[in-house]
Protein backbone atom coordinates (compact mmCIF):
# COMPACT_ATOMS: atom_id res chain seq x y z
CA MET A 1 -1.11 35.04 11.83
CA ALA A 2 -2.43 34.27 8.34
CA VAL A 3 -0.26 35.59 5.52
CA ARG A 4 -1.04 35.05 1.86
CA ASP A 5 1.54 33.12 -0.15
CA GLY A 6 1.12 35.07 -3.38
CA GLY A 7 -2.42 33.92 -4.08
CA GLY A 8 -4.60 31.07 -2.98
CA ARG A 9 -5.47 30.51 0.62
CA PRO A 10 -3.65 32.22 3.50
CA SER A 11 -0.48 30.57 4.77
CA LYS A 12 -0.42 29.00 8.22
CA TYR A 13 3.09 30.39 8.70
CA ASP A 14 3.69 32.14 12.00
CA PRO A 15 7.09 33.64 12.92
CA ALA A 16 6.61 32.17 16.40
CA TYR A 17 7.14 28.75 14.81
CA CYS A 18 10.87 29.49 14.62
CA GLU A 19 11.36 29.33 18.39
CA GLN A 20 8.85 26.50 18.80
CA MET A 21 10.73 24.39 16.28
CA ILE A 22 14.12 25.14 17.85
CA GLY A 23 12.73 24.24 21.28
CA LEU A 24 11.39 20.87 20.15
CA CYS A 25 14.54 20.01 18.25
CA ALA A 26 16.64 20.93 21.31
CA GLU A 27 14.81 18.01 22.98
CA GLY A 28 16.01 15.69 20.18
CA LYS A 29 12.85 15.86 18.09
CA SER A 30 12.97 15.99 14.30
CA LEU A 31 11.64 18.55 11.84
CA ALA A 32 8.97 16.00 10.91
CA TYR A 33 7.93 15.87 14.57
CA PHE A 34 7.59 19.64 14.62
CA ALA A 35 5.56 19.60 11.39
CA ALA A 36 3.21 17.01 12.89
CA SER A 37 2.87 19.04 16.09
CA ILE A 38 1.52 22.03 14.14
CA ARG A 39 -0.45 19.83 11.72
CA VAL A 40 1.36 20.65 8.48
CA ALA A 41 3.19 18.48 5.97
CA ARG A 42 6.98 18.23 6.09
CA ARG A 43 7.01 19.80 2.63
CA THR A 44 5.31 22.89 4.09
CA LEU A 45 8.39 23.50 6.24
CA ARG A 46 10.57 23.43 3.11
CA ASN A 47 8.20 25.87 1.41
CA TRP A 48 8.29 28.23 4.38
CA ALA A 49 12.10 28.06 4.42
CA GLU A 50 12.13 29.13 0.76
CA GLN A 51 9.76 32.03 1.49
CA HIS A 52 11.00 33.21 4.90
CA ALA A 53 14.71 33.71 5.59
CA ASP A 54 14.12 33.71 9.35
CA PHE A 55 12.48 30.29 9.13
CA ALA A 56 15.30 28.92 6.96
CA GLU A 57 17.81 30.08 9.58
CA ALA A 58 15.67 28.58 12.36
CA ILE A 59 15.73 25.21 10.57
CA GLU A 60 19.53 25.22 10.54
CA ILE A 61 19.62 26.16 14.23
CA ALA A 62 17.01 23.49 15.03
CA LYS A 63 19.07 20.82 13.27
CA ALA A 64 22.15 21.83 15.25
CA CYS A 65 20.15 21.75 18.49
CA ALA A 66 18.79 18.27 17.73
CA LEU A 67 22.28 17.01 17.00
CA ALA A 68 23.59 18.55 20.23
CA CYS A 69 20.83 16.78 22.16
CA TRP A 70 21.78 13.43 20.65
CA GLU A 71 25.47 14.05 21.34
CA ASP A 72 24.56 14.62 25.01
CA ARG A 73 22.59 11.38 25.00
CA ALA A 74 25.57 9.59 23.47
CA ALA A 75 27.76 10.79 26.34
CA THR A 76 25.18 9.50 28.83
CA VAL A 77 25.08 6.11 27.11
CA GLY A 78 28.87 6.11 27.00
CA ASP A 79 28.89 6.52 30.77
CA GLY A 80 26.89 3.29 31.06
CA ASP A 81 23.40 4.75 31.32
CA GLY A 82 20.62 4.21 28.84
CA GLY A 83 19.66 0.58 29.03
CA PRO A 84 19.47 -2.14 26.37
CA GLY A 85 19.54 -0.89 22.80
CA ALA A 86 20.38 2.69 23.79
CA ALA A 87 23.81 2.67 22.13
CA ALA A 88 22.45 1.48 18.78
CA MET A 89 19.60 4.00 18.92
CA VAL A 90 21.92 6.90 19.72
CA GLN A 91 24.33 5.83 16.99
CA PHE A 92 21.47 5.74 14.49
CA MET A 93 20.24 9.18 15.53
CA LEU A 94 23.71 10.73 15.40
CA LYS A 95 24.32 9.38 11.91
CA ASN A 96 20.98 10.71 10.72
CA PHE A 97 20.89 14.07 12.49
CA GLY A 98 24.60 14.70 11.98
CA ALA A 99 25.57 12.98 8.77
CA GLU A 100 28.30 15.57 8.15
CA ASP A 101 29.93 14.81 11.49
CA PHE A 102 28.95 11.18 12.24
CA SER A 103 29.13 9.06 9.14
CA ASP A 104 30.75 5.74 8.33
CA ARG A 105 30.76 6.71 4.69
CA ARG A 106 34.06 7.69 3.19
CA GLU A 107 34.66 8.98 -0.29
CA VAL A 108 37.78 7.76 -2.01
CA THR A 109 38.88 9.12 -5.33
CA TYR A 110 41.41 7.45 -7.58
CA SER A 111 43.10 9.00 -10.55
CA GLY A 112 45.45 7.64 -13.15
CA ALA A 113 45.42 4.66 -15.41
CA ILE A 114 44.88 1.12 -14.24
CA GLN A 115 47.42 -1.31 -15.62
CA HIS A 116 46.96 -5.05 -15.69
CA ASN A 117 48.95 -7.91 -17.13
CA LEU A 118 46.17 -10.42 -17.77
CA THR A 119 45.26 -11.66 -21.17
CA TYR A 120 41.59 -12.09 -22.00
CA GLU A 121 41.85 -15.81 -21.34
CA GLN A 122 43.61 -15.27 -18.02
CA ALA A 123 40.91 -12.82 -16.93
CA ILE A 124 38.20 -15.39 -17.79
CA GLU A 125 40.06 -18.03 -15.78
CA GLU A 126 40.48 -15.65 -12.79
CA ALA A 127 36.76 -14.88 -12.83
CA ARG A 128 35.97 -18.60 -12.82
CA ARG A 129 38.48 -19.25 -10.04
CA ARG A 130 36.82 -16.60 -7.87
CA GLY A 131 33.35 -17.86 -8.71
CA LEU A 132 32.38 -14.56 -10.31
CA PRO A 133 30.48 -13.97 -13.50
CA GLU A 134 33.01 -13.31 -16.21
CA ARG A 135 31.52 -9.93 -16.99
CA VAL A 136 32.42 -8.69 -13.48
CA LEU A 137 36.13 -8.73 -14.23
CA ILE A 138 36.24 -8.07 -17.92
CA ALA A 139 34.41 -6.53 -20.79
CA ASP A 140 34.56 -8.50 -24.00
CA ASN A 141 36.09 -5.98 -26.35
CA ARG A 142 38.21 -8.34 -28.35
CA GLU A 143 38.53 -7.51 -31.97
């Protein structure tokens, strides 16, 4: 169904794409895979999501379905199935499809003042002892 996007040529958007995309992602495929399957750029999917609320919702569902698929595959690999390299591949896919849930990254926030007891000369010596450039440990703000 060709719909005009506010001028220019008609859009290739079709509401049926919502279910097609969800179906492919439920098999573990990516949004880029879906875009390629219908011969549009990945950016086109972002544009459609901005223009069509149903498509934006379908993208979120599709992402959840892809993650669920990879979680199932992780369980299979965990049971000893999958073959060489399967564990690393599943780990990679989980971290990328489910960064909110499967990430090694941790944010740590510190507050308060940092106190130290080194003189400028002691800081220079400590940098040399550790084999670090002096500027790593100190900033030369002597007066």
